[in-house]
C-alpha atoms as a PDB file:
ATOM      1  CA  MET A   1    -140.191-114.375 -39.503  1.00  0.00           C
ATOM      2  CA  ALA A   2    -143.529-112.587 -39.201  1.00  0.00           C
ATOM      3  CA  LYS A   3    -146.581-114.791 -38.979  1.00  0.00           C
ATOM      4  CA  ALA A   4    -148.914-114.681 -41.971  1.00  0.00           C
ATOM      5  CA  PRO A   5    -152.389-113.339 -41.121  1.00  0.00           C
ATOM      6  CA  THR A   6    -155.066-115.963 -40.524  1.00  0.00           C
ATOM      7  CA  ASP A   7    -158.536-115.891 -42.022  1.00  0.00           C
ATOM      8  CA  ALA A   8    -159.786-114.561 -38.684  1.00  0.00           C
ATOM      9  CA  ASP A   9    -157.295-111.697 -38.876  1.00  0.00           C
ATOM     10  CA  LEU A  10    -158.423-110.840 -42.368  1.00  0.00           C
ATOM     11  CA  ASN A  11    -162.038-110.601 -41.238  1.00  0.00           C
ATOM     12  CA  ALA A  12    -161.198-108.086 -38.511  1.00  0.00           C
ATOM     13  CA  LEU A  13    -163.205-105.236 -40.028  1.00  0.00           C
ATOM     14  CA  ASP A  14    -166.449-105.951 -38.126  1.00  0.00           C
ATOM     15  CA  ILE A  15    -168.157-107.156 -41.286  1.00  0.00           C
ATOM     16  CA  THR A  16    -169.286-110.628 -42.199  1.00  0.00           C
ATOM     17  CA  ASP A  17    -166.902-113.364 -43.288  1.00  0.00           C
ATOM     18  CA  ALA A  18    -168.526-113.396 -46.728  1.00  0.00           C
ATOM     19  CA  GLU A  19    -168.047-109.646 -47.155  1.00  0.00           C
ATOM     20  CA  ALA A  20    -164.450-109.794 -46.014  1.00  0.00           C
ATOM     21  CA  SER A  21    -163.701-112.635 -48.386  1.00  0.00           C
ATOM     22  CA  GLU A  22    -165.449-110.855 -51.238  1.00  0.00           C
ATOM     23  CA  ILE A  23    -163.736-107.471 -51.018  1.00  0.00           C
ATOM     24  CA  ASN A  24    -160.304-108.448 -49.661  1.00  0.00           C
ATOM     25  CA  ALA A  25    -160.645-105.560 -47.222  1.00  0.00           C
ATOM     26  CA  ILE A  26    -157.041-105.658 -46.027  1.00  0.00           C
ATOM     27  CA  ALA A  27    -155.978-102.148 -45.120  1.00  0.00           C
ATOM     28  CA  HIS A  28    -152.204-101.844 -44.909  1.00  0.00           C
ATOM     29  CA  PRO A  29    -149.304 -99.747 -46.201  1.00  0.00           C
ATOM     30  CA  LEU A  30    -147.283-102.529 -47.838  1.00  0.00           C
ATOM     31  CA  VAL A  31    -147.011-103.370 -51.511  1.00  0.00           C
ATOM     32  CA  ALA A  32    -144.511-105.315 -53.552  1.00  0.00           C
ATOM     33  CA  ASP A  33    -141.998-103.784 -55.975  1.00  0.00           C
ATOM     34  CA  PRO A  34    -143.697-102.952 -59.274  1.00  0.00           C
ATOM     35  CA  ALA A  35    -142.511-104.738 -62.368  1.00  0.00           C
ATOM     36  CA  PRO A  36    -140.343-102.607 -64.671  1.00  0.00           C
ATOM     37  CA  ASP A  37    -143.108-102.707 -67.258  1.00  0.00           C
ATOM     38  CA  ALA A  38    -146.308-102.069 -65.327  1.00  0.00           C
ATOM     39  CA  ASP A  39    -149.388-103.768 -66.780  1.00  0.00           C
ATOM     40  CA  ASP A  40    -151.516-100.959 -68.204  1.00  0.00           C
ATOM     41  CA  SER A  41    -154.500-103.293 -68.554  1.00  0.00           C
ATOM     42  CA  LEU A  42    -154.837-103.031 -64.770  1.00  0.00           C
ATOM     43  CA  VAL A  43    -155.390 -99.283 -65.023  1.00  0.00           C
ATOM     44  CA  ARG A  44    -157.445 -97.739 -67.815  1.00  0.00           C
ATOM     45  CA  ILE A  45    -156.863 -94.174 -68.950  1.00  0.00           C
ATOM     46  CA  ASP A  46    -159.636 -92.519 -70.945  1.00  0.00           C
ATOM     47  CA  ALA A  47    -159.664 -88.882 -72.047  1.00  0.00           C
ATOM     48  CA  THR A  48    -161.939 -86.507 -73.891  1.00  0.00           C
ATOM     49  CA  ALA A  49    -160.969 -83.753 -76.307  1.00  0.00           C
ATOM     50  CA  ASP A  50    -162.010 -81.229 -73.638  1.00  0.00           C
ATOM     51  CA  GLY A  51    -159.274 -82.364 -71.243  1.00  0.00           C
ATOM     52  CA  VAL A  52    -161.318 -84.618 -68.970  1.00  0.00           C
ATOM     53  CA  VAL A  53    -159.358 -87.712 -67.920  1.00  0.00           C
ATOM     54  CA  PHE A  54    -160.643 -90.857 -66.224  1.00  0.00           C
ATOM     55  CA  ILE A  55    -158.193 -93.189 -64.465  1.00  0.00           C
ATOM     56  CA  THR A  56    -159.886 -96.471 -63.603  1.00  0.00           C
ATOM     57  CA  ILE A  57    -158.436 -99.206 -61.409  1.00  0.00           C
ATOM     58  CA  ASN A  58    -159.365-102.247 -63.467  1.00  0.00           C
ATOM     59  CA  ARG A  59    -159.325-105.317 -61.206  1.00  0.00           C
ATOM     60  CA  PRO A  60    -163.050-105.757 -60.597  1.00  0.00           C
ATOM     61  CA  GLU A  61    -162.651-109.466 -59.865  1.00  0.00           C
ATOM     62  CA  LYS A  62    -160.450-108.480 -56.897  1.00  0.00           C
ATOM     63  CA  LYS A  63    -162.551-105.459 -55.943  1.00  0.00           C
ATOM     64  CA  ASN A  64    -159.679-103.325 -57.269  1.00  0.00           C
ATOM     65  CA  ALA A  65    -157.314-104.363 -54.508  1.00  0.00           C
ATOM     66  CA  PHE A  66    -153.744-103.164 -54.955  1.00  0.00           C
ATOM     67  CA  ASP A  67    -150.994-105.519 -56.051  1.00  0.00           C
ATOM     68  CA  ALA A  68    -147.499-104.812 -57.384  1.00  0.00           C
ATOM     69  CA  ALA A  69    -148.499-104.360 -61.004  1.00  0.00           C
ATOM     70  CA  THR A  70    -151.499-102.198 -60.135  1.00  0.00           C
ATOM     71  CA  ILE A  71    -149.360 -99.891 -58.001  1.00  0.00           C
ATOM     72  CA  GLY A  72    -146.877 -99.583 -60.860  1.00  0.00           C
ATOM     73  CA  ALA A  73    -149.579 -98.897 -63.431  1.00  0.00           C
ATOM     74  CA  LEU A  74    -151.207 -96.237 -61.244  1.00  0.00           C
ATOM     75  CA  HIS A  75    -147.854 -94.565 -60.675  1.00  0.00           C
ATOM     76  CA  GLU A  76    -147.170 -94.426 -64.401  1.00  0.00           C
ATOM     77  CA  ALA A  77    -150.666 -93.116 -65.124  1.00  0.00           C
ATOM     78  CA  PHE A  78    -150.390 -90.325 -62.565  1.00  0.00           C
ATOM     79  CA  GLU A  79    -146.864 -89.382 -63.659  1.00  0.00           C
ATOM     80  CA  SER A  80    -148.001 -89.140 -67.285  1.00  0.00           C
ATOM     81  CA  LEU A  81    -150.382 -86.324 -66.326  1.00  0.00           C
ATOM     82  CA  HIS A  82    -147.759 -84.079 -64.733  1.00  0.00           C
ATOM     83  CA  GLY A  83    -146.845 -82.414 -68.026  1.00  0.00           C
ATOM     84  CA  ALA A  84    -150.238 -82.641 -69.717  1.00  0.00           C
ATOM     85  CA  ASP A  85    -151.116 -78.943 -70.000  1.00  0.00           C
ATOM     86  CA  HIS A  86    -154.412 -79.637 -71.789  1.00  0.00           C
ATOM     87  CA  VAL A  87    -155.866 -81.680 -68.909  1.00  0.00           C
ATOM     88  CA  ARG A  88    -158.514 -79.837 -66.873  1.00  0.00           C
ATOM     89  CA  VAL A  89    -159.778 -82.462 -64.425  1.00  0.00           C
ATOM     90  CA  VAL A  90    -158.809 -86.041 -63.536  1.00  0.00           C
ATOM     91  CA  PHE A  91    -161.365 -88.486 -62.152  1.00  0.00           C
ATOM     92  CA  VAL A  92    -160.088 -91.557 -60.272  1.00  0.00           C
ATOM     93  CA  ARG A  93    -162.457 -94.497 -59.916  1.00  0.00           C
ATOM     94  CA  GLY A  94    -162.678 -98.260 -59.603  1.00  0.00           C
ATOM     95  CA  ALA A  95    -164.238-100.673 -62.091  1.00  0.00           C
ATOM     96  CA  GLY A  96    -167.150-102.891 -61.194  1.00  0.00           C
ATOM     97  CA  GLY A  97    -168.816-100.903 -58.417  1.00  0.00           C
ATOM     98  CA  THR A  98    -166.003-100.838 -55.840  1.00  0.00           C
ATOM     99  CA  PHE A  99    -163.396 -98.104 -55.539  1.00  0.00           C
ATOM    100  CA  SER A 100    -160.662-100.212 -53.911  1.00  0.00           C
ATOM    101  CA  ALA A 101    -160.605-102.899 -51.240  1.00  0.00           C
ATOM    102  CA  GLY A 102    -157.066-101.969 -50.186  1.00  0.00           C
ATOM    103  CA  ALA A 103    -154.269-104.493 -50.467  1.00  0.00           C
ATOM    104  CA  ASP A 104    -154.505-107.724 -52.401  1.00  0.00           C
ATOM    105  CA  LEU A 105    -154.615-110.758 -50.116  1.00  0.00           C
ATOM    106  CA  GLY A 106    -151.803-112.536 -51.926  1.00  0.00           C
ATOM    107  CA  TRP A 107    -149.424-109.573 -51.632  1.00  0.00           C
ATOM    108  CA  MET A 108    -150.307-109.252 -47.965  1.00  0.00           C
ATOM    109  CA  ARG A 109    -149.371-112.850 -47.289  1.00  0.00           C
ATOM    110  CA  ASP A 110    -146.094-112.436 -49.184  1.00  0.00           C
ATOM    111  CA  ALA A 111    -145.212-109.261 -47.267  1.00  0.00           C
ATOM    112  CA  ALA A 112    -145.534-111.104 -43.963  1.00  0.00           C
ATOM    113  CA  GLY A 113    -142.387-113.051 -44.869  1.00  0.00           C
ATOM    114  CA  TRP A 114    -140.255-110.181 -46.141  1.00  0.00           C
ATOM    115  CA  SER A 115    -137.403-108.556 -44.259  1.00  0.00           C
ATOM    116  CA  GLU A 116    -137.748-105.064 -42.801  1.00  0.00           C
ATOM    117  CA  SER A 117    -135.489-103.743 -45.546  1.00  0.00           C
ATOM    118  CA  ASP A 118    -137.606-105.375 -48.248  1.00  0.00           C
ATOM    119  CA  ASN A 119    -140.757-103.977 -46.683  1.00  0.00           C
ATOM    120  CA  ARG A 120    -139.254-100.493 -46.495  1.00  0.00           C
ATOM    121  CA  ASP A 121    -138.306-100.534 -50.167  1.00  0.00           C
ATOM    122  CA  ASP A 122    -141.691-101.980 -51.028  1.00  0.00           C
ATOM    123  CA  ALA A 123    -143.688 -99.387 -49.083  1.00  0.00           C
ATOM    124  CA  MET A 124    -141.872 -96.619 -50.936  1.00  0.00           C
ATOM    125  CA  ASN A 125    -143.584 -97.731 -54.140  1.00  0.00           C
ATOM    126  CA  LEU A 126    -147.003 -96.977 -52.680  1.00  0.00           C
ATOM    127  CA  ALA A 127    -145.693 -93.734 -51.202  1.00  0.00           C
ATOM    128  CA  ARG A 128    -144.363 -92.607 -54.580  1.00  0.00           C
ATOM    129  CA  MET A 129    -147.624 -93.503 -56.308  1.00  0.00           C
ATOM    130  CA  LEU A 130    -149.659 -91.452 -53.834  1.00  0.00           C
ATOM    131  CA  LYS A 131    -147.275 -88.511 -54.190  1.00  0.00           C
ATOM    132  CA  ALA A 132    -147.587 -88.706 -57.988  1.00  0.00           C
ATOM    133  CA  LEU A 133    -151.372 -88.452 -57.629  1.00  0.00           C
ATOM    134  CA  HIS A 134    -151.101 -85.604 -55.129  1.00  0.00           C
ATOM    135  CA  ASP A 135    -148.799 -83.633 -57.457  1.00  0.00           C
ATOM    136  CA  ILE A 136    -150.952 -83.759 -60.611  1.00  0.00           C
ATOM    137  CA  PRO A 137    -151.409 -80.094 -61.620  1.00  0.00           C
ATOM    138  CA  ALA A 138    -155.036 -80.521 -62.720  1.00  0.00           C
ATOM    139  CA  LEU A 139    -157.899 -80.895 -60.257  1.00  0.00           C
ATOM    140  CA  THR A 140    -158.185 -84.539 -59.110  1.00  0.00           C
ATOM    141  CA  VAL A 141    -161.491 -86.047 -58.010  1.00  0.00           C
ATOM    142  CA  ALA A 142    -162.132 -89.484 -56.499  1.00  0.00           C
ATOM    143  CA  LEU A 143    -165.438 -91.090 -57.503  1.00  0.00           C
ATOM    144  CA  VAL A 144    -166.033 -93.555 -54.688  1.00  0.00           C
ATOM    145  CA  GLU A 145    -168.558 -96.369 -54.507  1.00  0.00           C
ATOM    146  CA  GLY A 146    -168.799 -99.728 -52.770  1.00  0.00           C
ATOM    147  CA  ALA A 147    -165.771 -99.665 -50.492  1.00  0.00           C
ATOM    148  CA  ALA A 148    -162.563 -97.729 -49.979  1.00  0.00           C
ATOM    149  CA  MET A 149    -160.397 -99.577 -47.495  1.00  0.00           C
ATOM    150  CA  GLY A 150    -156.894 -98.814 -46.230  1.00  0.00           C
ATOM    151  CA  GLY A 151    -154.761 -97.780 -49.162  1.00  0.00           C
ATOM    152  CA  GLY A 152    -157.929 -97.284 -51.188  1.00  0.00           C
ATOM    153  CA  ALA A 153    -159.150 -94.704 -48.686  1.00  0.00           C
ATOM    154  CA  GLY A 154    -155.672 -93.187 -48.790  1.00  0.00           C
ATOM    155  CA  LEU A 155    -156.064 -92.779 -52.541  1.00  0.00           C
ATOM    156  CA  VAL A 156    -159.290 -90.874 -51.860  1.00  0.00           C
ATOM    157  CA  ALA A 157    -157.485 -88.588 -49.408  1.00  0.00           C
ATOM    158  CA  ALA A 158    -154.696 -87.857 -51.897  1.00  0.00           C
ATOM    159  CA  CYS A 159    -157.197 -86.403 -54.388  1.00  0.00           C
ATOM    160  CA  ASP A 160    -158.244 -82.753 -54.275  1.00  0.00           C
ATOM    161  CA  ARG A 161    -161.921 -83.653 -54.021  1.00  0.00           C
ATOM    162  CA  ALA A 162    -163.962 -86.790 -53.434  1.00  0.00           C
ATOM    163  CA  VAL A 163    -167.552 -87.726 -54.153  1.00  0.00           C
ATOM    164  CA  ALA A 164    -169.006 -90.876 -52.587  1.00  0.00           C
ATOM    165  CA  VAL A 165    -172.126 -92.863 -53.323  1.00  0.00           C
ATOM    166  CA  ALA A 166    -174.413 -93.409 -50.335  1.00  0.00           C
ATOM    167  CA  GLY A 167    -173.702 -96.794 -48.771  1.00  0.00           C
ATOM    168  CA  THR A 168    -169.975 -96.717 -49.490  1.00  0.00           C
ATOM    169  CA  ARG A 169    -167.880 -98.059 -46.604  1.00  0.00           C
ATOM    170  CA  PHE A 170    -164.494 -96.802 -45.469  1.00  0.00           C
ATOM    171  CA  ALA A 171    -161.914 -98.041 -42.961  1.00  0.00           C
ATOM    172  CA  PHE A 172    -158.315 -97.574 -41.877  1.00  0.00           C
ATOM    173  CA  SER A 173    -158.110-100.963 -40.173  1.00  0.00           C
ATOM    174  CA  GLU A 174    -154.332-101.495 -40.183  1.00  0.00           C
ATOM    175  CA  VAL A 175    -154.150-101.728 -36.395  1.00  0.00           C
ATOM    176  CA  LYS A 176    -156.418-104.788 -36.457  1.00  0.00           C
ATOM    177  CA  LEU A 177    -153.608-106.555 -38.316  1.00  0.00           C
ATOM    178  CA  GLY A 178    -150.852-105.161 -36.115  1.00  0.00           C
ATOM    179  CA  LEU A 179    -149.896-102.565 -38.741  1.00  0.00           C
ATOM    180  CA  ILE A 180    -150.136 -98.794 -39.169  1.00  0.00           C
ATOM    181  CA  PRO A 181    -151.437 -96.632 -42.059  1.00  0.00           C
ATOM    182  CA  ALA A 182    -148.041 -95.060 -42.585  1.00  0.00           C
ATOM    183  CA  THR A 183    -147.716 -94.144 -46.264  1.00  0.00           C
ATOM    184  CA  ILE A 184    -151.258 -92.808 -46.542  1.00  0.00           C
ATOM    185  CA  ALA A 185    -151.029 -90.834 -43.286  1.00  0.00           C
ATOM    186  CA  PRO A 186    -149.891 -87.455 -44.737  1.00  0.00           C
ATOM    187  CA  TYR A 187    -152.897 -87.293 -47.053  1.00  0.00           C
ATOM    188  CA  VAL A 188    -155.458 -88.547 -44.549  1.00  0.00           C
ATOM    189  CA  ILE A 189    -154.249 -86.129 -41.876  1.00  0.00           C
ATOM    190  CA  GLU A 190    -154.381 -83.268 -44.375  1.00  0.00           C
ATOM    191  CA  ALA A 191    -157.955 -84.247 -45.277  1.00  0.00           C
ATOM    192  CA  VAL A 192    -159.503 -84.929 -41.860  1.00  0.00           C
ATOM    193  CA  GLY A 193    -157.146 -83.307 -39.344  1.00  0.00           C
ATOM    194  CA  ALA A 194    -154.823 -84.842 -36.778  1.00  0.00           C
ATOM    195  CA  ARG A 195    -157.379 -85.497 -34.031  1.00  0.00           C
ATOM    196  CA  ARG A 196    -159.860 -87.276 -36.280  1.00  0.00           C
ATOM    197  CA  ALA A 197    -157.062 -89.245 -37.940  1.00  0.00           C
ATOM    198  CA  ARG A 198    -155.859 -90.460 -34.542  1.00  0.00           C
ATOM    199  CA  ALA A 199    -159.325 -91.789 -33.740  1.00  0.00           C
ATOM    200  CA  LEU A 200    -159.833 -93.449 -37.118  1.00  0.00           C
ATOM    201  CA  PHE A 201    -156.343 -94.969 -37.160  1.00  0.00           C
ATOM    202  CA  ALA A 202    -156.459 -96.161 -33.529  1.00  0.00           C
ATOM    203  CA  THR A 203    -159.871 -97.840 -33.736  1.00  0.00           C
ATOM    204  CA  GLY A 204    -159.769 -99.186 -37.285  1.00  0.00           C
ATOM    205  CA  GLU A 205    -163.544 -98.802 -37.337  1.00  0.00           C
ATOM    206  CA  LEU A 206    -165.740 -98.896 -40.400  1.00  0.00           C
ATOM    207  CA  PHE A 207    -167.496 -95.658 -41.273  1.00  0.00           C
ATOM    208  CA  THR A 208    -170.103 -94.617 -43.799  1.00  0.00           C
ATOM    209  CA  ALA A 209    -170.103 -92.146 -46.662  1.00  0.00           C
ATOM    210  CA  ASP A 210    -172.091 -89.678 -44.573  1.00  0.00           C
ATOM    211  CA  GLN A 211    -169.552 -89.972 -41.765  1.00  0.00           C
ATOM    212  CA  ALA A 212    -166.716 -89.533 -44.278  1.00  0.00           C
ATOM    213  CA  LEU A 213    -168.445 -86.329 -45.393  1.00  0.00           C
ATOM    214  CA  GLY A 214    -168.533 -85.080 -41.817  1.00  0.00           C
ATOM    215  CA  PHE A 215    -164.872 -85.990 -41.299  1.00  0.00           C
ATOM    216  CA  GLY A 216    -163.782 -84.157 -44.458  1.00  0.00           C
ATOM    217  CA  LEU A 217    -162.563 -87.234 -46.301  1.00  0.00           C
ATOM    218  CA  VAL A 218    -165.222 -86.718 -48.979  1.00  0.00           C
ATOM    219  CA  ASP A 219    -166.850 -83.486 -50.143  1.00  0.00           C
ATOM    220  CA  GLN A 220    -170.185 -84.743 -51.437  1.00  0.00           C
ATOM    221  CA  VAL A 221    -172.440 -87.778 -51.086  1.00  0.00           C
ATOM    222  CA  VAL A 222    -174.824 -88.720 -53.916  1.00  0.00           C
ATOM    223  CA  ALA A 223    -177.759 -91.093 -53.717  1.00  0.00           C
ATOM    224  CA  SER A 224    -176.698 -93.542 -56.413  1.00  0.00           C
ATOM    225  CA  ALA A 225    -173.859 -94.387 -58.779  1.00  0.00           C
ATOM    226  CA  GLY A 226    -175.933 -92.974 -61.623  1.00  0.00           C
ATOM    227  CA  ASP A 227    -175.720 -89.543 -60.000  1.00  0.00           C
ATOM    228  CA  LEU A 228    -171.955 -89.512 -60.517  1.00  0.00           C
ATOM    229  CA  ASP A 229    -172.495 -88.699 -64.197  1.00  0.00           C
ATOM    230  CA  GLY A 230    -174.002 -85.360 -63.239  1.00  0.00           C
ATOM    231  CA  VAL A 231    -171.115 -84.655 -60.871  1.00  0.00           C
ATOM    232  CA  VAL A 232    -168.591 -85.402 -63.613  1.00  0.00           C
ATOM    233  CA  GLN A 233    -170.355 -83.155 -66.117  1.00  0.00           C
ATOM    234  CA  GLY A 234    -170.701 -80.322 -63.637  1.00  0.00           C
ATOM    235  CA  LEU A 235    -167.039 -80.369 -62.643  1.00  0.00           C
ATOM    236  CA  ALA A 236    -165.898 -80.738 -66.247  1.00  0.00           C
ATOM    237  CA  ASP A 237    -167.918 -77.669 -67.186  1.00  0.00           C
ATOM    238  CA  ALA A 238    -166.690 -75.705 -64.178  1.00  0.00           C
ATOM    239  CA  MET A 239    -163.014 -76.472 -64.808  1.00  0.00           C
ATOM    240  CA  LYS A 240    -163.274 -75.383 -68.430  1.00  0.00           C
ATOM    241  CA  ALA A 241    -163.586 -71.803 -67.142  1.00  0.00           C
ATOM    242  CA  CYS A 242    -160.331 -72.082 -65.159  1.00  0.00           C
ATOM    243  CA  ALA A 243    -156.891 -71.441 -66.656  1.00  0.00           C
ATOM    244  CA  PRO A 244    -154.978 -74.758 -66.541  1.00  0.00           C
ATOM    245  CA  GLY A 245    -151.652 -73.222 -65.520  1.00  0.00           C
ATOM    246  CA  ALA A 246    -153.263 -71.128 -62.812  1.00  0.00           C
ATOM    247  CA  VAL A 247    -154.987 -74.219 -61.407  1.00  0.00           C
ATOM    248  CA  GLY A 248    -151.663 -75.993 -61.007  1.00  0.00           C
ATOM    249  CA  ASP A 249    -150.041 -72.894 -59.504  1.00  0.00           C
ATOM    250  CA  ALA A 250    -152.952 -72.464 -57.084  1.00  0.00           C
ATOM    251  CA  LYS A 251    -152.602 -76.061 -55.901  1.00  0.00           C
ATOM    252  CA  ARG A 252    -148.857 -75.612 -55.368  1.00  0.00           C
ATOM    253  CA  LEU A 253    -149.561 -72.377 -53.484  1.00  0.00           C
ATOM    254  CA  VAL A 254    -151.699 -74.214 -50.935  1.00  0.00           C
ATOM    255  CA  HIS A 255    -149.050 -76.908 -50.515  1.00  0.00           C
ATOM    256  CA  ASP A 256    -146.274 -74.362 -49.996  1.00  0.00           C
ATOM    257  CA  VAL A 257    -148.183 -71.966 -47.728  1.00  0.00           C
ATOM    258  CA  ALA A 258    -150.074 -74.398 -45.464  1.00  0.00           C
ATOM    259  CA  GLY A 259    -148.653 -74.461 -41.962  1.00  0.00           C
ATOM    260  CA  GLN A 260    -146.147 -71.679 -42.597  1.00  0.00           C
ATOM    261  CA  GLU A 261    -145.674 -68.803 -40.187  1.00  0.00           C
ATOM    262  CA  ILE A 262    -147.170 -65.576 -41.531  1.00  0.00           C
ATOM    263  CA  ASP A 263    -143.972 -63.577 -41.486  1.00  0.00           C
ATOM    264  CA  HIS A 264    -142.178 -61.198 -43.861  1.00  0.00           C
ATOM    265  CA  GLY A 265    -140.747 -64.085 -45.864  1.00  0.00           C
ATOM    266  CA  LEU A 266    -144.188 -65.545 -46.535  1.00  0.00           C
ATOM    267  CA  LEU A 267    -145.621 -62.126 -47.393  1.00  0.00           C
ATOM    268  CA  ALA A 268    -142.815 -61.543 -49.887  1.00  0.00           C
ATOM    269  CA  GLU A 269    -143.225 -64.984 -51.444  1.00  0.00           C
ATOM    270  CA  THR A 270    -146.973 -64.627 -51.936  1.00  0.00           C
ATOM    271  CA  ALA A 271    -146.488 -61.139 -53.407  1.00  0.00           C
ATOM    272  CA  ARG A 272    -143.885 -62.553 -55.796  1.00  0.00           C
ATOM    273  CA  ARG A 273    -146.267 -65.256 -56.939  1.00  0.00           C
ATOM    274  CA  ILE A 274    -149.219 -62.996 -57.678  1.00  0.00           C
ATOM    275  CA  ALA A 275    -146.926 -60.542 -59.493  1.00  0.00           C
ATOM    276  CA  ARG A 276    -145.646 -63.367 -61.671  1.00  0.00           C
ATOM    277  CA  ALA A 277    -149.217 -64.522 -62.346  1.00  0.00           C
ATOM    278  CA  ARG A 278    -150.281 -61.017 -63.377  1.00  0.00           C
ATOM    279  CA  VAL A 279    -147.629 -60.781 -66.092  1.00  0.00           C
ATOM    280  CA  SER A 280    -148.008 -64.406 -67.251  1.00  0.00           C
ATOM    281  CA  GLU A 281    -149.653 -65.262 -70.562  1.00  0.00           C
ATOM    282  CA  GLU A 282    -152.703 -66.665 -68.787  1.00  0.00           C
ATOM    283  CA  GLY A 283    -152.918 -63.716 -66.430  1.00  0.00           C
ATOM    284  CA  GLN A 284    -152.757 -61.202 -69.260  1.00  0.00           C
ATOM    285  CA  GLU A 285    -155.323 -63.107 -71.348  1.00  0.00           C
ATOM    286  CA  GLY A 286    -157.694 -63.572 -68.416  1.00  0.00           C
ATOM    287  CA  VAL A 287    -157.749 -59.932 -67.394  1.00  0.00           C
ATOM    288  CA  ARG A 288    -158.071 -58.702 -70.986  1.00  0.00           C
ATOM    289  CA  ALA A 289    -160.936 -61.127 -71.639  1.00  0.00           C
ATOM    290  CA  PHE A 290    -162.715 -59.931 -68.502  1.00  0.00           C
ATOM    291  CA  LEU A 291    -162.325 -56.258 -69.503  1.00  0.00           C
ATOM    292  CA  ASP A 292    -163.399 -57.026 -73.083  1.00  0.00           C
ATOM    293  CA  LYS A 293    -166.417 -58.985 -71.783  1.00  0.00           C
ATOM    294  CA  ARG A 294    -165.455 -62.126 -73.689  1.00  0.00           C
ATOM    295  CA  LYS A 295    -164.376 -65.634 -72.778  1.00  0.00           C
ATOM    296  CA  PRO A 296    -160.635 -66.265 -72.339  1.00  0.00           C
ATOM    297  CA  ARG A 297    -159.079 -68.569 -74.898  1.00  0.00           C
ATOM    298  CA  TRP A 298    -158.976 -71.572 -72.565  1.00  0.00           C
ATOM    299  CA  ALA A 299    -162.763 -71.366 -72.017  1.00  0.00           C
ATOM    300  CA  GLU A 300    -163.773 -71.253 -75.680  1.00  0.00           C
END
């Protein structure tokens, strides 16, 4: 049976004991099976009439650390947005000034006693939740403050964009607990590149918001949490001008084309996609609106 991590292990992020205790900064890829009826009080969903959605991890007393119910509630929230054609932009954030401290300490201790099979099944729940976020058709934006550790930083990477408040701390510290950042790896590698991911994963070091900007994990750093309001308004206004269906198709295009050989098959597929877009309802409306010098219907 695997040995449960000691308090010394849990403070292996090169921060003080008090900080480690406060934020439960346990970065790891393991979560427990979600309950069949995920607790939606752990994740708040707020939406405006203009199609702006906020998904808030709502465990501020635990610094929004993941546990089984939170993973389940996030998965359900993300899945619910897959067919929401009216949604323009989705903001993901944490309540109480911290994005997410990673894995909940109690779940981590439980996982240390599970079998490999149990852990494999369990890790799939986090993997499915991240994939559900990644596959939302609308633009997804992480609003990051306080700390984003382990799985929390993986959540940031799975979004299309990320904005961090200066002073936010990040880490992929799984190796300091004898673990690896497995389920979040595809999204982190896509965000920062393979070489940088190797360094961050192998050292488990803490890094700042400015460093995360340089790595490509975040796209913008703002001075204070109050500045996030301006970011939200700016992106909400910008996405109103974009056709919702085209946004989803454009995101899928990147996913399907990235890493592919530029051969005849890829040329034919991209030609097929733009031809289909040109004759689509959105494509016809957008071009006509441009020629008529008016706003398309989705921007009114």
